[in-house]
Amino acid sequence: MMKVSSENSSRANRMKTFIVLFVLLAGLTANVFGQGQVLLGNNSSSLVYYLNPQTPAPVGSLNVQLYAAAGSNQPQSSLVAVGPIVGIGPVDGRIQSTTVDVPQAPNGQVATFQIWVWSNQYATRNQAFAAGGFVGASQLFESNTSYQAPGDPPPTAVILAGKFPAFGVVPIPEPTSFALTFLGSCCLLFHVRKKLG
């Protein structure tokens, strides 16, 4: 009876040792494959503008969201939102500097990015599209994320400012505006054909 109890105790100790080693290994692996980070922001050569007339977007006027996909030359359709929605400020045309985790590109890998902006009275860019609000986007661009070597302190996020040119926002016509324009064009075409025929 004593022998069985001793074997059970030995098994339990081996199991505890295995669990401790597994947890330590998982922690080290998480450190080796650290989360890649970028610093969302822009500079004077990549301001966000309202078009017609071209003026820097006022502080607090727009929502800003970073989108990303793993790898280079990715299509826009593959990008997903990363990080929080931020705004314009503290200077007109400048995106609030924000550190963003990019799980698609951990530890120094490359990703394709795009920045979307829209009127801040709408929670999402889709709502702004549907309601005819101001909407705009940067061109697609690429960047590596920050790299963390094993045992090193967290690195500084890779700066995105300067990796894309300035871009603007424009009002999106409401669907009813498109319909009225189409109907007006059809009526005009019908009237011209009737006169000619």
Foldseek 3Di string as FASTA:
>chain_A
DVVVVVVVVVVVVVVVVVVVVVVVVVVQVCQQFDFFKAKDKADPQAFEFAVPPTDFADWPFKKKWKWKAFDPPDDPVRTDTWDDTFTDDPGGRMTPTDMTTDNNATAFGKMKMKMKMWTPVDPDVVVQQQVQTKIKMWDIFMDTTHHGHRPRDDDDTHYCYPGTGYIYIYGRDHPVVVVVVVVVVVVVVVVVVVVVD
